């Protein structure tokens, strides 16, 4: 993990960018390559469901179902969906 952070930092420095910008660009490319590849996804222990919602918005997943055993998390999912 530490070596990865060093590589990200070096790439960011070469590109006159921040580490966040490098990671964001990598994720954007990955999501574009995955676009439309999955019809459905199920996330167990979803927390707020934020990650899955972004996969749907990016077009990676067509239908997304999230569940969590915690009543507080279920309430959070219901408000964000």
Protein backbone atom coordinates (compact mmCIF):
# COMPACT_ATOMS: atom_id res chain seq x y z
CA UNK A 1 0.00 0.00 0.00
CA UNK A 2 2.75 2.46 0.88
CA UNK A 3 4.50 1.76 -2.44
CA UNK A 4 1.25 2.51 -4.26
CA UNK A 5 0.94 5.85 -2.50
CA UNK A 6 4.51 6.70 -3.47
CA UNK A 7 3.74 5.87 -7.11
CA UNK A 8 0.58 7.95 -7.05
CA UNK A 9 2.52 10.86 -5.56
CA UNK A 10 5.28 10.55 -8.18
CA UNK A 11 2.76 10.45 -11.03
CA UNK A 12 0.93 13.44 -9.60
CA UNK A 13 4.16 15.40 -9.33
CA UNK A 14 5.15 14.59 -12.94
CA UNK A 15 1.71 15.70 -14.14
CA UNK A 16 1.61 18.82 -11.94
CA UNK A 17 -1.52 17.42 -10.29
CA UNK A 18 -2.66 16.36 -6.85
CA UNK A 19 -2.91 12.78 -5.62
CA UNK A 20 -6.70 13.18 -5.62
CA UNK A 21 -6.67 14.20 -9.29
CA UNK A 22 -4.63 11.12 -10.22
CA UNK A 23 -6.91 8.73 -8.32
CA UNK A 24 -10.00 10.45 -9.75
CA UNK A 25 -8.68 10.07 -13.30
CA UNK A 26 -7.91 6.39 -12.75
CA UNK A 27 -11.41 5.76 -11.41
CA UNK A 28 -12.97 7.67 -14.31
CA UNK A 29 -11.13 5.49 -16.84
CA UNK A 30 -12.04 2.32 -14.95
CA UNK A 31 -15.71 3.26 -14.78
CA UNK A 32 -15.77 4.11 -18.48
CA UNK A 33 -14.30 0.71 -19.34
CA UNK A 34 -16.83 -1.05 -17.11
CA UNK A 35 -19.81 0.93 -18.46
CA UNK A 36 -22.74 -1.31 -19.30
CA UNK A 37 -20.97 -4.54 -18.36
CA UNK A 38 -23.19 -5.49 -15.44
CA UNK A 39 -26.98 -5.84 -15.56
CA UNK A 40 -27.43 -5.94 -11.80
CA UNK A 41 -25.53 -5.72 -8.54
CA UNK A 42 -26.29 -6.72 -4.96
CA UNK A 43 -24.44 -5.11 -2.09
CA UNK A 44 -24.76 -6.64 1.37
CA UNK A 45 -23.65 -4.44 4.23
CA UNK A 46 -24.12 -1.40 2.04
CA UNK A 47 -23.80 1.31 4.63
CA UNK A 48 -25.34 4.37 3.00
CA UNK A 49 -25.36 2.87 -0.51
CA UNK A 50 -23.38 5.83 -1.85
CA UNK A 51 -20.87 3.71 -3.78
CA UNK A 52 -23.54 1.62 -5.46
CA UNK A 53 -25.60 4.67 -6.32
CA UNK A 54 -22.58 6.16 -8.08
CA UNK A 55 -22.07 2.93 -10.05
CA UNK A 56 -25.66 3.23 -11.30
CA UNK A 57 -25.22 6.92 -12.16
CA UNK A 58 -22.01 6.12 -14.04
CA UNK A 59 -23.82 3.48 -16.10
CA UNK A 60 -21.70 0.58 -14.84
CA UNK A 61 -24.65 -1.22 -13.24
CA UNK A 62 -28.17 -1.24 -14.62
CA UNK A 63 -30.04 -2.27 -11.46
CA UNK A 64 -28.66 -1.95 -7.95
CA UNK A 65 -30.00 -3.57 -4.80
CA UNK A 66 -28.48 -2.79 -1.41
CA UNK A 67 -29.21 -4.25 1.97
CA UNK A 68 -27.84 -3.86 5.46
CA UNK A 69 -28.90 -5.55 8.68
CA UNK A 70 -28.66 -2.36 10.72
CA UNK A 71 -32.01 -0.50 10.99
CA UNK A 72 -30.18 2.84 10.89
CA UNK A 73 -28.44 1.90 7.64
CA UNK A 74 -31.71 0.69 6.10
CA UNK A 75 -33.23 4.10 6.88
CA UNK A 76 -30.23 5.85 5.31
CA UNK A 77 -30.53 3.71 2.16
CA UNK A 78 -34.21 4.49 1.85
CA UNK A 79 -33.56 8.23 1.92
CA UNK A 80 -30.67 8.10 -0.59
CA UNK A 81 -32.31 5.81 -3.15
